[in-house]
Amino acid sequence: MRVEDLREQEAVVEAVLFTMGRSVEIRQLAAALETGEPEAEAAAERLKARYEESVCGMQVLRLENSYQMCTRTGYYENLIRVAAAPKKQVLSDVVLETLAIIAYKQPVTKADIEKIRGVKSDHAVNRLIEYNLVYEAGRLDAPGKPALFATTEEFLRRFGVSSTENLPEMDLEQKEEIRSEVEEELNLKAGPGGLLDGTTENEEEQDHEMQ
C-alpha cells in the first residue's frame, strides 16, 4: 500500500478518536476505514507511535481491544489552571487499597474484598464506582448472587497499561502515581469549588479508623 494511503488511514483513525472522545473498538475503526480489523489495528498503532514520537499535548492509548485519544498526563496541571481552581479531591489510603485488591483479584465480590481487608468496604467500593475506576461486572453463581467488581477502561487509562494482564506489582511509588493522576482528573472535572463525590472529612476519618 502506498505511503499516502497509509497516512490517509491514520488520518481517518485520528478523526474518529478525536470526535468520539472515548475509547473506540477496533471493529468500529475497521468500519470507519472499510477495511478488516488487522488493517484498522495497524493504522491505529502507527498513529499511536506517531504521537509518542512527537512533542504534543495529546496521546493515543491502547485499552484492551480499543483505542482512545486523550490528554497527556503531564499537562493536567495546565488544564486545571484553565478550567478553574477547584477544591482538591482526595483519594484515601482505604480507597487505594480497595482499588488494588479489585485490580489484582478481579472479578471479586465485596465479601472477598472485606475478607482481605478485614473491615467493611462499602464506602470505598462506592467511591471507586463513582470515580469510574470500578464497575459491577456481573453476579457470582452462589447463594444471594453477590455482585462481582472489576476495573474499568478508565482505570487502565489512569494506570497507563493496555490490559489488566500487564499490571505490574503495585509498589508505593505506583500507588502515589495513580493517586495523583486520578485526583488531578477529579479536580479537572469537579469545577470551581465543587465537591464531586460529597465525601466529608468525617467519612474519611472513619475509614482510617477502621483500618
N, C-alpha and C. Protein backbone atom coordinates (compact mmCIF):
# COMPACT_ATOMS: atom_id res chain seq x y z
N MET A 1 0.84 -1.20 0.00
CA MET A 1 0.00 0.00 0.00
C MET A 1 0.88 1.25 0.00
N ARG A 2 0.47 2.26 -0.74
CA ARG A 2 1.25 3.49 -0.84
C ARG A 2 1.31 4.21 0.50
N VAL A 3 2.38 4.98 0.68
CA VAL A 3 2.55 5.75 1.91
C VAL A 3 1.37 6.71 2.09
N GLU A 4 0.91 7.30 0.98
CA GLU A 4 -0.21 8.24 1.05
C GLU A 4 -1.47 7.56 1.57
N ASP A 5 -1.69 6.31 1.15
CA ASP A 5 -2.87 5.57 1.61
C ASP A 5 -2.77 5.22 3.09
N LEU A 6 -1.56 4.87 3.53
CA LEU A 6 -1.36 4.57 4.95
C LEU A 6 -1.61 5.81 5.80
N ARG A 7 -1.12 6.96 5.34
CA ARG A 7 -1.33 8.21 6.06
C ARG A 7 -2.81 8.57 6.10
N GLU A 8 -3.51 8.27 5.00
CA GLU A 8 -4.95 8.55 4.94
C GLU A 8 -5.69 7.71 5.98
N GLN A 9 -5.28 6.44 6.12
CA GLN A 9 -5.90 5.59 7.14
C GLN A 9 -5.67 6.15 8.54
N GLU A 10 -4.44 6.58 8.80
CA GLU A 10 -4.12 7.16 10.11
C GLU A 10 -4.97 8.41 10.37
N ALA A 11 -5.17 9.21 9.32
CA ALA A 11 -5.96 10.43 9.47
C ALA A 11 -7.41 10.10 9.81
N VAL A 12 -7.94 9.04 9.19
CA VAL A 12 -9.32 8.63 9.49
C VAL A 12 -9.43 8.17 10.94
N VAL A 13 -8.49 7.36 11.39
CA VAL A 13 -8.49 6.90 12.77
C VAL A 13 -8.38 8.08 13.73
N GLU A 14 -7.51 9.01 13.41
CA GLU A 14 -7.33 10.21 14.23
C GLU A 14 -8.63 11.00 14.33
N ALA A 15 -9.31 11.18 13.21
CA ALA A 15 -10.57 11.93 13.20
C ALA A 15 -11.64 11.24 14.04
N VAL A 16 -11.71 9.91 13.93
CA VAL A 16 -12.71 9.15 14.69
C VAL A 16 -12.43 9.25 16.19
N LEU A 17 -11.18 9.03 16.58
CA LEU A 17 -10.83 9.07 18.01
C LEU A 17 -11.05 10.46 18.60
N PHE A 18 -10.68 11.48 17.84
CA PHE A 18 -10.85 12.85 18.33
C PHE A 18 -12.33 13.19 18.49
N THR A 19 -13.14 12.80 17.50
CA THR A 19 -14.56 13.14 17.53
C THR A 19 -15.32 12.38 18.61
N MET A 20 -15.01 11.10 18.77
CA MET A 20 -15.75 10.28 19.73
C MET A 20 -15.43 10.69 21.17
N GLY A 21 -14.18 11.04 21.45
CA GLY A 21 -13.82 11.47 22.80
C GLY A 21 -13.85 10.37 23.84
N ARG A 22 -13.90 9.15 23.43
CA ARG A 22 -13.91 7.98 24.33
C ARG A 22 -13.18 6.85 23.64
N SER A 23 -13.09 5.69 24.29
CA SER A 23 -12.44 4.55 23.65
C SER A 23 -13.29 4.03 22.50
N VAL A 24 -12.64 3.67 21.40
CA VAL A 24 -13.33 3.17 20.21
C VAL A 24 -12.78 1.78 19.89
N GLU A 25 -13.66 0.82 19.74
CA GLU A 25 -13.23 -0.55 19.48
C GLU A 25 -12.62 -0.68 18.09
N ILE A 26 -11.72 -1.66 17.95
CA ILE A 26 -11.04 -1.87 16.67
C ILE A 26 -12.05 -2.17 15.56
N ARG A 27 -13.11 -2.90 15.89
CA ARG A 27 -14.11 -3.23 14.88
C ARG A 27 -14.81 -1.97 14.37
N GLN A 28 -14.96 -0.96 15.25
CA GLN A 28 -15.58 0.29 14.83
C GLN A 28 -14.63 1.08 13.94
N LEU A 29 -13.34 1.04 14.26
CA LEU A 29 -12.35 1.70 13.40
C LEU A 29 -12.31 1.03 12.04
N ALA A 30 -12.44 -0.30 12.02
CA ALA A 30 -12.46 -1.03 10.76
C ALA A 30 -13.66 -0.61 9.91
N ALA A 31 -14.80 -0.40 10.56
CA ALA A 31 -15.99 0.04 9.83
C ALA A 31 -15.77 1.43 9.24
N ALA A 32 -15.12 2.31 10.00
CA ALA A 32 -14.85 3.65 9.50
C ALA A 32 -13.90 3.62 8.32
N LEU A 33 -12.93 2.72 8.36
CA LEU A 33 -11.93 2.62 7.30
C LEU A 33 -12.39 1.75 6.13
N GLU A 34 -13.46 0.97 6.37
CA GLU A 34 -13.94 0.00 5.38
C GLU A 34 -12.84 -1.01 5.05
N THR A 35 -12.20 -1.50 6.12
CA THR A 35 -11.13 -2.50 5.99
C THR A 35 -11.38 -3.60 7.01
N GLY A 36 -10.49 -4.57 7.03
CA GLY A 36 -10.55 -5.60 8.06
C GLY A 36 -9.97 -5.07 9.37
N GLU A 37 -10.20 -5.79 10.46
CA GLU A 37 -9.71 -5.35 11.77
C GLU A 37 -8.18 -5.30 11.85
N PRO A 38 -7.45 -6.25 11.22
CA PRO A 38 -5.98 -6.16 11.28
C PRO A 38 -5.44 -4.86 10.67
N GLU A 39 -6.04 -4.43 9.55
CA GLU A 39 -5.61 -3.17 8.92
C GLU A 39 -5.94 -1.97 9.81
N ALA A 40 -7.12 -2.02 10.44
CA ALA A 40 -7.52 -0.93 11.32
C ALA A 40 -6.61 -0.85 12.54
N GLU A 41 -6.27 -2.01 13.11
CA GLU A 41 -5.37 -2.05 14.26
C GLU A 41 -3.99 -1.52 13.88
N ALA A 42 -3.51 -1.90 12.70
CA ALA A 42 -2.19 -1.44 12.24
C ALA A 42 -2.18 0.07 12.07
N ALA A 43 -3.27 0.62 11.53
CA ALA A 43 -3.36 2.07 11.34
C ALA A 43 -3.37 2.79 12.69
N ALA A 44 -4.10 2.24 13.66
CA ALA A 44 -4.16 2.84 14.99
C ALA A 44 -2.80 2.78 15.68
N GLU A 45 -2.09 1.68 15.50
CA GLU A 45 -0.77 1.54 16.10
C GLU A 45 0.23 2.52 15.48
N ARG A 46 0.12 2.74 14.16
CA ARG A 46 1.01 3.72 13.51
C ARG A 46 0.72 5.12 14.04
N LEU A 47 -0.56 5.44 14.20
CA LEU A 47 -0.93 6.75 14.73
C LEU A 47 -0.43 6.90 16.16
N LYS A 48 -0.59 5.85 16.96
CA LYS A 48 -0.14 5.85 18.35
C LYS A 48 1.37 6.12 18.41
N ALA A 49 2.12 5.44 17.55
CA ALA A 49 3.58 5.62 17.53
C ALA A 49 3.96 7.03 17.10
N ARG A 50 3.19 7.59 16.16
CA ARG A 50 3.49 8.95 15.68
C ARG A 50 3.30 9.96 16.80
N TYR A 51 2.26 9.79 17.60
CA TYR A 51 2.02 10.69 18.72
C TYR A 51 3.10 10.53 19.79
N GLU A 52 3.56 9.31 19.99
CA GLU A 52 4.60 9.07 21.00
C GLU A 52 5.93 9.71 20.61
N GLU A 53 6.17 9.79 19.31
CA GLU A 53 7.44 10.34 18.83
C GLU A 53 7.44 11.87 18.79
N SER A 54 6.26 12.47 18.76
CA SER A 54 6.17 13.92 18.62
C SER A 54 5.98 14.59 19.97
N VAL A 55 6.26 15.89 20.02
CA VAL A 55 6.04 16.68 21.22
C VAL A 55 4.69 17.38 21.06
N CYS A 56 3.67 16.82 21.69
CA CYS A 56 2.33 17.42 21.60
C CYS A 56 1.57 17.13 22.88
N GLY A 57 0.42 17.73 23.02
CA GLY A 57 -0.36 17.59 24.25
C GLY A 57 -1.30 16.41 24.27
N MET A 58 -1.36 15.65 23.18
CA MET A 58 -2.28 14.52 23.10
C MET A 58 -1.51 13.21 22.97
N GLN A 59 -2.20 12.11 23.27
CA GLN A 59 -1.63 10.79 23.08
C GLN A 59 -2.74 9.81 22.71
N VAL A 60 -2.36 8.70 22.08
CA VAL A 60 -3.31 7.65 21.74
C VAL A 60 -2.98 6.44 22.61
N LEU A 61 -3.98 5.94 23.33
CA LEU A 61 -3.77 4.81 24.23
C LEU A 61 -4.48 3.57 23.72
N ARG A 62 -3.86 2.41 23.94
CA ARG A 62 -4.48 1.12 23.64
C ARG A 62 -5.12 0.62 24.94
N LEU A 63 -6.41 0.31 24.89
CA LEU A 63 -7.14 -0.17 26.05
C LEU A 63 -7.85 -1.46 25.67
N GLU A 64 -7.28 -2.61 26.03
CA GLU A 64 -7.82 -3.90 25.62
C GLU A 64 -7.96 -3.93 24.09
N ASN A 65 -9.20 -4.01 23.57
CA ASN A 65 -9.41 -4.05 22.12
C ASN A 65 -9.92 -2.71 21.59
N SER A 66 -9.53 -1.64 22.27
CA SER A 66 -9.98 -0.30 21.88
C SER A 66 -8.80 0.66 21.88
N TYR A 67 -9.04 1.83 21.27
CA TYR A 67 -8.07 2.91 21.29
C TYR A 67 -8.79 4.18 21.73
N GLN A 68 -8.03 5.07 22.38
CA GLN A 68 -8.61 6.34 22.82
C GLN A 68 -7.58 7.44 22.72
N MET A 69 -8.05 8.61 22.27
CA MET A 69 -7.19 9.79 22.25
C MET A 69 -7.48 10.60 23.50
N CYS A 70 -6.44 11.01 24.19
CA CYS A 70 -6.63 11.78 25.42
C CYS A 70 -5.44 12.70 25.65
N THR A 71 -5.59 13.54 26.65
CA THR A 71 -4.53 14.48 27.00
C THR A 71 -3.37 13.76 27.67
N ARG A 72 -2.17 14.18 27.37
CA ARG A 72 -1.00 13.64 28.07
C ARG A 72 -1.10 14.03 29.55
N THR A 73 -0.82 13.05 30.41
CA THR A 73 -0.97 13.29 31.84
C THR A 73 -0.08 14.43 32.34
N GLY A 74 1.02 14.68 31.67
CA GLY A 74 1.94 15.73 32.11
C GLY A 74 1.36 17.12 32.01
N TYR A 75 0.23 17.27 31.31
CA TYR A 75 -0.36 18.59 31.11
C TYR A 75 -1.62 18.83 31.92
N TYR A 76 -1.95 17.91 32.84
CA TYR A 76 -3.14 18.08 33.66
C TYR A 76 -3.09 19.36 34.49
N GLU A 77 -1.91 19.65 35.03
CA GLU A 77 -1.78 20.86 35.85
C GLU A 77 -2.16 22.09 35.06
N ASN A 78 -1.70 22.15 33.81
CA ASN A 78 -2.01 23.29 32.96
C ASN A 78 -3.50 23.38 32.67
N LEU A 79 -4.13 22.23 32.46
CA LEU A 79 -5.56 22.22 32.18
C LEU A 79 -6.37 22.69 33.39
N ILE A 80 -5.93 22.26 34.57
CA ILE A 80 -6.63 22.65 35.79
C ILE A 80 -6.59 24.16 35.97
N ARG A 81 -5.45 24.79 35.62
CA ARG A 81 -5.35 26.24 35.75
C ARG A 81 -6.37 26.95 34.87
N VAL A 82 -6.64 26.37 33.72
CA VAL A 82 -7.60 26.99 32.79
C VAL A 82 -9.03 26.68 33.21
N ALA A 83 -9.27 25.43 33.63
CA ALA A 83 -10.63 25.00 33.95
C ALA A 83 -11.18 25.74 35.16
N ALA A 84 -10.38 25.87 36.19
CA ALA A 84 -10.81 26.51 37.44
C ALA A 84 -9.78 26.23 38.51
N ALA A 85 -10.10 26.63 39.73
CA ALA A 85 -9.27 26.28 40.87
C ALA A 85 -10.15 25.53 41.85
N PRO A 86 -10.49 24.29 41.54
CA PRO A 86 -11.44 23.54 42.36
C PRO A 86 -10.86 23.10 43.70
N LYS A 87 -11.77 22.76 44.60
CA LYS A 87 -11.35 22.19 45.87
C LYS A 87 -10.70 20.84 45.60
N LYS A 88 -9.57 20.60 46.21
CA LYS A 88 -8.80 19.37 45.93
C LYS A 88 -9.57 18.13 46.35
N GLN A 89 -9.65 17.19 45.42
CA GLN A 89 -10.27 15.90 45.71
C GLN A 89 -9.19 14.96 46.25
N VAL A 90 -9.53 14.15 47.24
CA VAL A 90 -8.54 13.30 47.88
C VAL A 90 -8.97 11.83 47.80
N LEU A 91 -8.04 11.00 47.39
CA LEU A 91 -8.26 9.56 47.42
C LEU A 91 -7.59 9.02 48.68
N SER A 92 -8.39 8.48 49.58
CA SER A 92 -7.84 7.98 50.84
C SER A 92 -7.06 6.69 50.60
N ASP A 93 -6.23 6.33 51.58
CA ASP A 93 -5.49 5.07 51.51
C ASP A 93 -6.46 3.89 51.45
N VAL A 94 -7.61 4.03 52.09
CA VAL A 94 -8.62 2.97 52.09
C VAL A 94 -9.12 2.72 50.67
N VAL A 95 -9.40 3.79 49.94
CA VAL A 95 -9.90 3.66 48.57
C VAL A 95 -8.82 3.05 47.67
N LEU A 96 -7.58 3.50 47.82
CA LEU A 96 -6.49 2.96 47.02
C LEU A 96 -6.24 1.48 47.32
N GLU A 97 -6.34 1.12 48.59
CA GLU A 97 -6.13 -0.27 48.98
C GLU A 97 -7.21 -1.15 48.37
N THR A 98 -8.45 -0.67 48.40
CA THR A 98 -9.56 -1.42 47.82
C THR A 98 -9.41 -1.54 46.31
N LEU A 99 -8.96 -0.46 45.67
CA LEU A 99 -8.73 -0.48 44.22
C LEU A 99 -7.67 -1.52 43.85
N ALA A 100 -6.60 -1.59 44.63
CA ALA A 100 -5.53 -2.56 44.37
C ALA A 100 -6.05 -3.98 44.47
N ILE A 101 -6.88 -4.25 45.48
CA ILE A 101 -7.44 -5.60 45.66
C ILE A 101 -8.30 -5.98 44.46
N ILE A 102 -9.16 -5.06 44.03
CA ILE A 102 -10.03 -5.34 42.89
C ILE A 102 -9.20 -5.55 41.63
N ALA A 103 -8.18 -4.70 41.43
CA ALA A 103 -7.36 -4.77 40.21
C ALA A 103 -6.66 -6.12 40.08
N TYR A 104 -6.16 -6.65 41.19
CA TYR A 104 -5.36 -7.88 41.13
C TYR A 104 -6.14 -9.15 41.41
N LYS A 105 -7.39 -9.02 41.91
CA LYS A 105 -8.19 -10.21 42.22
C LYS A 105 -9.44 -10.31 41.34
N GLN A 106 -9.66 -9.35 40.45
CA GLN A 106 -10.91 -9.27 39.70
C GLN A 106 -11.18 -10.49 38.81
N PRO A 107 -12.49 -10.79 38.62
CA PRO A 107 -13.64 -10.17 39.29
C PRO A 107 -13.75 -10.67 40.72
N VAL A 108 -14.13 -9.78 41.61
CA VAL A 108 -14.11 -10.11 43.03
C VAL A 108 -15.36 -9.55 43.70
N THR A 109 -15.88 -10.27 44.69
CA THR A 109 -17.07 -9.81 45.42
C THR A 109 -16.66 -8.87 46.56
N LYS A 110 -17.64 -8.14 47.04
CA LYS A 110 -17.38 -7.24 48.16
C LYS A 110 -16.98 -8.04 49.41
N ALA A 111 -17.57 -9.23 49.55
CA ALA A 111 -17.24 -10.08 50.71
C ALA A 111 -15.77 -10.50 50.65
N ASP A 112 -15.28 -10.81 49.45
CA ASP A 112 -13.88 -11.19 49.32
C ASP A 112 -12.96 -10.02 49.63
N ILE A 113 -13.36 -8.83 49.19
CA ILE A 113 -12.58 -7.62 49.47
C ILE A 113 -12.48 -7.41 50.98
N GLU A 114 -13.63 -7.55 51.64
CA GLU A 114 -13.68 -7.33 53.08
C GLU A 114 -12.92 -8.41 53.84
N LYS A 115 -12.89 -9.62 53.28
CA LYS A 115 -12.13 -10.70 53.91
C LYS A 115 -10.63 -10.38 53.88
N ILE A 116 -10.17 -9.80 52.77
CA ILE A 116 -8.76 -9.44 52.65
C ILE A 116 -8.43 -8.24 53.54
N ARG A 117 -9.31 -7.23 53.52
CA ARG A 117 -9.04 -6.00 54.28
C ARG A 117 -9.36 -6.15 55.76
N GLY A 118 -10.32 -7.02 56.07
CA GLY A 118 -10.69 -7.23 57.47
C GLY A 118 -11.71 -6.24 57.99
N VAL A 119 -12.23 -5.37 57.11
CA VAL A 119 -13.23 -4.38 57.51
C VAL A 119 -14.25 -4.22 56.39
N LYS A 120 -15.37 -3.56 56.69
CA LYS A 120 -16.39 -3.28 55.69
C LYS A 120 -15.80 -2.36 54.62
N SER A 121 -16.24 -2.57 53.37
CA SER A 121 -15.66 -1.81 52.26
C SER A 121 -16.71 -1.15 51.37
N ASP A 122 -17.93 -1.01 51.87
CA ASP A 122 -19.00 -0.42 51.07
C ASP A 122 -18.63 0.98 50.58
N HIS A 123 -18.16 1.80 51.51
CA HIS A 123 -17.85 3.20 51.18
C HIS A 123 -16.77 3.27 50.10
N ALA A 124 -15.70 2.50 50.25
CA ALA A 124 -14.60 2.55 49.29
C ALA A 124 -15.03 2.06 47.92
N VAL A 125 -15.79 0.96 47.86
CA VAL A 125 -16.25 0.43 46.57
C VAL A 125 -17.17 1.43 45.89
N ASN A 126 -18.07 2.04 46.66
CA ASN A 126 -18.98 3.03 46.07
C ASN A 126 -18.22 4.23 45.51
N ARG A 127 -17.18 4.65 46.20
CA ARG A 127 -16.38 5.77 45.72
C ARG A 127 -15.70 5.40 44.39
N LEU A 128 -15.16 4.19 44.32
CA LEU A 128 -14.46 3.75 43.10
C LEU A 128 -15.42 3.66 41.93
N ILE A 129 -16.67 3.27 42.20
CA ILE A 129 -17.67 3.23 41.14
C ILE A 129 -17.99 4.65 40.68
N GLU A 130 -18.12 5.58 41.61
CA GLU A 130 -18.39 6.97 41.27
C GLU A 130 -17.26 7.58 40.46
N TYR A 131 -16.04 7.18 40.76
CA TYR A 131 -14.87 7.69 40.04
C TYR A 131 -14.67 7.00 38.69
N ASN A 132 -15.55 6.01 38.38
CA ASN A 132 -15.47 5.27 37.12
C ASN A 132 -14.17 4.46 37.01
N LEU A 133 -13.65 4.02 38.14
CA LEU A 133 -12.47 3.16 38.14
C LEU A 133 -12.86 1.69 38.30
N VAL A 134 -14.07 1.47 38.81
CA VAL A 134 -14.57 0.11 39.06
C VAL A 134 -16.03 0.04 38.61
N TYR A 135 -16.45 -1.14 38.15
CA TYR A 135 -17.85 -1.32 37.78
C TYR A 135 -18.32 -2.72 38.18
N GLU A 136 -19.65 -2.90 38.20
CA GLU A 136 -20.21 -4.21 38.51
C GLU A 136 -20.14 -5.06 37.25
N ALA A 137 -19.33 -6.12 37.30
CA ALA A 137 -19.05 -6.92 36.11
C ALA A 137 -19.96 -8.13 35.97
N GLY A 138 -20.90 -8.32 36.89
CA GLY A 138 -21.79 -9.47 36.82
C GLY A 138 -22.13 -9.96 38.21
N ARG A 139 -22.66 -11.17 38.29
CA ARG A 139 -23.06 -11.76 39.56
C ARG A 139 -22.45 -13.14 39.73
N LEU A 140 -22.03 -13.44 40.94
CA LEU A 140 -21.44 -14.75 41.23
C LEU A 140 -22.55 -15.79 41.32
N ASP A 141 -22.33 -16.96 40.73
CA ASP A 141 -23.31 -18.03 40.78
C ASP A 141 -23.21 -18.72 42.14
N ALA A 142 -23.77 -18.06 43.12
CA ALA A 142 -23.72 -18.54 44.51
C ALA A 142 -24.95 -17.99 45.23
N PRO A 143 -25.26 -18.52 46.40
CA PRO A 143 -26.42 -18.03 47.15
C PRO A 143 -26.37 -16.51 47.33
N GLY A 144 -27.49 -15.86 47.03
CA GLY A 144 -27.56 -14.41 47.15
C GLY A 144 -27.08 -13.68 45.92
N LYS A 145 -26.46 -14.39 44.97
CA LYS A 145 -25.96 -13.79 43.74
C LYS A 145 -25.18 -12.49 44.00
N PRO A 146 -24.10 -12.54 44.79
CA PRO A 146 -23.35 -11.31 45.10
C PRO A 146 -22.72 -10.69 43.85
N ALA A 147 -22.64 -9.37 43.83
CA ALA A 147 -22.08 -8.65 42.69
C ALA A 147 -20.58 -8.87 42.59
N LEU A 148 -20.10 -8.95 41.37
CA LEU A 148 -18.67 -9.06 41.10
C LEU A 148 -18.16 -7.72 40.59
N PHE A 149 -17.02 -7.28 41.10
CA PHE A 149 -16.48 -5.99 40.72
C PHE A 149 -15.15 -6.15 39.96
N ALA A 150 -14.97 -5.29 38.96
CA ALA A 150 -13.75 -5.32 38.16
C ALA A 150 -13.39 -3.88 37.79
N THR A 151 -12.18 -3.68 37.28
CA THR A 151 -11.73 -2.35 36.91
C THR A 151 -12.23 -1.97 35.51
N THR A 152 -12.35 -0.69 35.27
CA THR A 152 -12.87 -0.16 34.01
C THR A 152 -11.74 0.20 33.04
N GLU A 153 -12.11 0.61 31.84
CA GLU A 153 -11.13 1.13 30.89
C GLU A 153 -10.48 2.41 31.44
N GLU A 154 -11.27 3.18 32.19
CA GLU A 154 -10.74 4.40 32.78
C GLU A 154 -9.57 4.09 33.71
N PHE A 155 -9.69 2.98 34.46
CA PHE A 155 -8.59 2.56 35.33
C PHE A 155 -7.35 2.26 34.50
N LEU A 156 -7.51 1.52 33.39
CA LEU A 156 -6.38 1.21 32.53
C LEU A 156 -5.73 2.49 32.02
N ARG A 157 -6.57 3.44 31.63
CA ARG A 157 -6.05 4.71 31.11
C ARG A 157 -5.27 5.45 32.19
N ARG A 158 -5.81 5.50 33.41
CA ARG A 158 -5.13 6.20 34.51
C ARG A 158 -3.83 5.50 34.87
N PHE A 159 -3.85 4.15 34.84
CA PHE A 159 -2.68 3.38 35.26
C PHE A 159 -1.65 3.27 34.15
N GLY A 160 -2.07 3.56 32.90
CA GLY A 160 -1.13 3.57 31.78
C GLY A 160 -0.77 2.20 31.25
N VAL A 161 -1.73 1.24 31.33
CA VAL A 161 -1.49 -0.09 30.76
C VAL A 161 -2.60 -0.41 29.77
N SER A 162 -2.31 -1.30 28.84
CA SER A 162 -3.29 -1.63 27.81
C SER A 162 -4.23 -2.75 28.22
N SER A 163 -3.85 -3.53 29.22
CA SER A 163 -4.66 -4.67 29.65
C SER A 163 -4.36 -4.99 31.11
N THR A 164 -5.35 -5.57 31.79
CA THR A 164 -5.13 -5.96 33.19
C THR A 164 -4.06 -7.05 33.29
N GLU A 165 -3.81 -7.76 32.19
CA GLU A 165 -2.77 -8.78 32.19
C GLU A 165 -1.38 -8.16 32.30
N ASN A 166 -1.28 -6.88 31.99
CA ASN A 166 0.02 -6.20 32.03
C ASN A 166 0.26 -5.44 33.33
N LEU A 167 -0.62 -5.63 34.30
CA LEU A 167 -0.46 -4.92 35.56
C LEU A 167 0.79 -5.39 36.29
N PRO A 168 1.63 -4.46 36.70
CA PRO A 168 2.82 -4.84 37.49
C PRO A 168 2.45 -4.97 38.95
N GLU A 169 3.41 -5.41 39.76
CA GLU A 169 3.18 -5.38 41.20
C GLU A 169 3.08 -3.92 41.61
N MET A 170 2.01 -3.59 42.34
CA MET A 170 1.79 -2.19 42.71
C MET A 170 2.62 -1.83 43.93
N ASP A 171 3.70 -1.06 43.71
CA ASP A 171 4.52 -0.62 44.83
C ASP A 171 4.06 0.76 45.28
N LEU A 172 4.72 1.32 46.31
CA LEU A 172 4.32 2.60 46.88
C LEU A 172 4.36 3.71 45.85
N GLU A 173 5.39 3.72 45.01
CA GLU A 173 5.53 4.77 44.01
C GLU A 173 4.38 4.74 43.01
N GLN A 174 3.96 3.54 42.59
CA GLN A 174 2.86 3.42 41.65
C GLN A 174 1.55 3.80 42.29
N LYS A 175 1.38 3.49 43.59
CA LYS A 175 0.17 3.90 44.29
C LYS A 175 0.06 5.43 44.30
N GLU A 176 1.17 6.09 44.58
CA GLU A 176 1.17 7.55 44.61
C GLU A 176 0.92 8.13 43.23
N GLU A 177 1.42 7.44 42.19
CA GLU A 177 1.23 7.92 40.82
C GLU A 177 -0.24 7.87 40.43
N ILE A 178 -0.91 6.73 40.69
CA ILE A 178 -2.31 6.63 40.32
C ILE A 178 -3.16 7.54 41.19
N ARG A 179 -2.76 7.70 42.47
CA ARG A 179 -3.48 8.63 43.34
C ARG A 179 -3.43 10.04 42.75
N SER A 180 -2.22 10.47 42.37
CA SER A 180 -2.02 11.82 41.84
C SER A 180 -2.80 12.02 40.55
N GLU A 181 -2.74 11.04 39.64
CA GLU A 181 -3.39 11.20 38.34
C GLU A 181 -4.91 11.22 38.47
N VAL A 182 -5.46 10.35 39.30
CA VAL A 182 -6.91 10.32 39.47
C VAL A 182 -7.40 11.59 40.16
N GLU A 183 -6.66 12.05 41.17
CA GLU A 183 -7.05 13.27 41.86
C GLU A 183 -7.03 14.46 40.90
N GLU A 184 -6.03 14.52 40.02
CA GLU A 184 -5.96 15.60 39.05
C GLU A 184 -7.15 15.55 38.10
N GLU A 185 -7.51 14.33 37.70
CA GLU A 185 -8.66 14.16 36.81
C GLU A 185 -9.94 14.61 37.51
N LEU A 186 -10.10 14.24 38.77
CA LEU A 186 -11.27 14.63 39.53
C LEU A 186 -11.32 16.14 39.72
N ASN A 187 -10.16 16.73 39.99
CA ASN A 187 -10.10 18.18 40.15
C ASN A 187 -10.56 18.88 38.89
N LEU A 188 -10.13 18.35 37.74
CA LEU A 188 -10.46 18.96 36.45
C LEU A 188 -11.96 18.89 36.19
N LYS A 189 -12.58 17.76 36.60
CA LYS A 189 -14.00 17.56 36.32
C LYS A 189 -14.90 18.25 37.35
N ALA A 190 -14.37 18.51 38.53
CA ALA A 190 -15.21 18.99 39.62
C ALA A 190 -15.73 20.40 39.38
N GLY A 191 -14.93 21.26 38.72
CA GLY A 191 -15.38 22.63 38.52
C GLY A 191 -15.03 23.49 39.70
N PRO A 192 -15.34 24.81 39.62
CA PRO A 192 -14.97 25.75 40.67
C PRO A 192 -15.57 25.40 42.01
N GLY A 193 -14.71 25.05 42.97
CA GLY A 193 -15.12 24.86 44.34
C GLY A 193 -16.08 23.72 44.58
N GLY A 194 -16.30 22.85 43.60
CA GLY A 194 -17.33 21.84 43.75
C GLY A 194 -16.79 20.49 44.18
N LEU A 195 -17.37 19.91 45.25
CA LEU A 195 -17.03 18.55 45.63
C LEU A 195 -17.70 17.60 44.66
N LEU A 196 -16.96 16.66 44.13
CA LEU A 196 -17.50 15.76 43.14
C LEU A 196 -18.26 14.61 43.77
N ASP A 197 -17.85 14.17 44.94
CA ASP A 197 -18.50 13.00 45.50
C ASP A 197 -19.19 13.26 46.83
N GLY A 198 -19.04 14.43 47.38
CA GLY A 198 -19.70 14.75 48.63
C GLY A 198 -19.08 14.08 49.84
N THR A 199 -17.91 13.54 49.72
CA THR A 199 -17.24 12.89 50.84
C THR A 199 -16.90 13.92 51.90
N THR A 200 -17.21 13.63 53.14
CA THR A 200 -16.89 14.56 54.21
C THR A 200 -15.62 14.12 54.91
N GLU A 201 -15.02 15.05 55.64
CA GLU A 201 -13.81 14.72 56.37
C GLU A 201 -14.09 13.65 57.40
N ASN A 202 -15.31 13.67 57.99
CA ASN A 202 -15.65 12.67 58.99
C ASN A 202 -15.68 11.28 58.39
N GLU A 203 -16.21 11.17 57.14
CA GLU A 203 -16.26 9.87 56.49
C GLU A 203 -14.86 9.34 56.27
N GLU A 204 -13.94 10.22 55.83
CA GLU A 204 -12.57 9.79 55.60
C GLU A 204 -11.92 9.36 56.91
N GLU A 205 -12.20 10.13 57.99
CA GLU A 205 -11.61 9.79 59.28
C GLU A 205 -12.13 8.42 59.76
N GLN A 206 -13.43 8.17 59.50
CA GLN A 206 -14.00 6.88 59.90
C GLN A 206 -13.31 5.75 59.14
N ASP A 207 -13.06 5.97 57.84
CA ASP A 207 -12.38 4.95 57.04
C ASP A 207 -11.02 4.63 57.62
N HIS A 208 -10.27 5.68 57.97
CA HIS A 208 -8.90 5.48 58.50
C HIS A 208 -8.96 4.76 59.85
N GLU A 209 -9.97 5.08 60.66
CA GLU A 209 -10.08 4.46 61.97
C GLU A 209 -10.38 2.96 61.84
N MET A 210 -11.05 2.59 60.75
CA MET A 210 -11.43 1.18 60.56
C MET A 210 -10.25 0.33 60.15
N GLN A 211 -9.18 0.95 59.61
CA GLN A 211 -8.01 0.18 59.15
C GLN A 211 -7.27 -0.45 60.32
